Protein backbone atom coordinates (compact mmCIF):
# COMPACT_ATOMS: atom_id res chain seq x y z
CA MET A 1 -148.18 220.12 -6.90
CA PRO A 2 -146.42 218.14 -4.13
CA GLU A 3 -144.28 216.22 -6.78
CA GLN A 4 -143.13 219.48 -8.29
CA LEU A 5 -142.05 220.73 -4.90
CA SER A 6 -140.25 217.44 -4.35
CA ASP A 7 -138.49 217.78 -7.84
CA ALA A 8 -137.46 221.26 -7.06
CA ALA A 9 -136.06 220.29 -3.69
CA GLN A 10 -134.11 217.54 -5.17
CA THR A 11 -132.67 219.87 -7.76
CA MET A 12 -131.72 222.34 -5.10
CA ASN A 13 -129.92 219.57 -3.09
CA SER A 14 -127.99 218.44 -5.93
CA PRO A 15 -124.12 218.96 -5.48
CA THR A 16 -123.05 221.98 -7.61
CA ASN A 17 -119.58 222.58 -8.99
CA HIS A 18 -117.80 225.16 -11.18
CA PHE A 19 -114.91 225.05 -13.54
CA THR A 20 -111.98 227.22 -12.28
CA GLY A 21 -109.60 226.72 -15.26
CA VAL A 22 -108.33 224.92 -18.27
CA THR A 23 -104.60 225.25 -18.64
CA ALA A 24 -102.46 224.36 -21.67
CA ASN A 25 -99.38 222.58 -20.65
CA ALA A 26 -95.96 222.66 -22.44
CA ASP A 27 -96.25 218.82 -23.24
CA GLY A 28 -99.61 219.42 -25.15
CA SER A 29 -101.76 218.19 -22.36
CA LYS A 30 -104.45 220.21 -20.69
CA THR A 31 -105.10 220.57 -16.91
CA ILE A 32 -108.84 221.10 -15.97
CA THR A 33 -109.60 222.38 -12.48
CA PHE A 34 -112.97 222.61 -10.90
CA THR A 35 -114.76 223.11 -7.39
CA GLY A 36 -117.30 220.98 -5.91
CA VAL A 37 -118.75 219.61 -2.74
CA PRO A 38 -115.93 217.96 -0.73
CA GLY A 39 -115.95 214.28 -0.73
CA TYR A 40 -118.44 213.94 -3.76
CA PRO A 41 -117.40 212.16 -7.07
CA TYR A 42 -117.82 213.97 -10.22
CA ARG A 43 -117.55 212.42 -13.69
CA LEU A 44 -115.44 214.66 -16.09
CA GLN A 45 -116.64 214.35 -19.60
CA ALA A 46 -115.52 215.58 -23.04
CA ALA A 47 -116.92 216.06 -26.49
CA THR A 48 -115.93 217.49 -29.83
CA ASN A 49 -118.93 219.68 -30.16
CA LEU A 50 -122.01 220.93 -28.31
CA ILE A 51 -124.68 219.78 -30.79
CA SER A 52 -124.32 216.04 -30.52
CA ALA A 53 -124.98 214.02 -27.30
CA GLY A 54 -121.51 212.51 -27.82
CA TRP A 55 -120.03 213.13 -24.27
CA THR A 56 -117.54 210.64 -23.21
CA ASP A 57 -116.31 209.93 -19.60
CA ILE A 58 -112.57 210.70 -19.26
CA SER A 59 -112.33 210.59 -15.61
CA THR A 60 -113.98 210.29 -12.14
CA ASN A 61 -112.72 212.68 -9.53
CA THR A 62 -113.66 212.90 -5.87
CA VAL A 63 -113.33 216.50 -4.71
CA ASP A 64 -110.82 216.95 -1.95
CA ASP A 65 -111.45 218.55 1.56
CA SER A 66 -110.91 222.02 0.27
CA GLY A 67 -113.55 221.61 -2.49
CA GLN A 68 -110.87 221.34 -5.34
CA SER A 69 -110.24 218.80 -8.12
CA SER A 70 -108.08 218.61 -11.10
CA PHE A 71 -107.43 216.26 -14.10
CA ASN A 72 -104.59 216.31 -16.45
CA ASP A 73 -105.91 215.33 -19.91
CA VAL A 74 -103.02 213.97 -21.98
CA ASN A 75 -105.41 212.81 -24.77
CA THR A 76 -105.64 216.17 -26.53
CA SER A 77 -103.62 215.88 -29.85
CA ASN A 78 -106.37 214.06 -31.62
CA TRP A 79 -109.11 216.59 -30.89
CA PRO A 80 -108.98 219.80 -32.88
CA GLN A 81 -111.35 221.27 -30.39
CA LYS A 82 -112.59 219.86 -27.03
CA TYR A 83 -115.34 220.71 -24.61
CA TYR A 84 -115.49 219.64 -21.00
CA ARG A 85 -118.24 219.29 -18.41
CA THR A 86 -118.76 217.57 -14.99
CA VAL A 87 -121.69 215.36 -14.15
CA TYR A 88 -122.88 214.08 -10.70
CA PRO A 89 -123.13 211.15 -10.09
């Protein structure tokens, strides 16, 4: 049982983050914004569907002192649909 408690503690101490928006811009790009732990780096990933394991890193962002981060995705025209997630580390 101590290992299970250790795993639970590690999970609870993992930095959390939340998407706060995806905005379609006039030039066709999308701006993705999210919150996280200030100073922590998060990898922003994209995929064309949620079934396959085909997530691709598109950016690594360090959250600013206010807990905010954003990324302007200019590579959206070749993707009929696109899903985003953040991963730490």
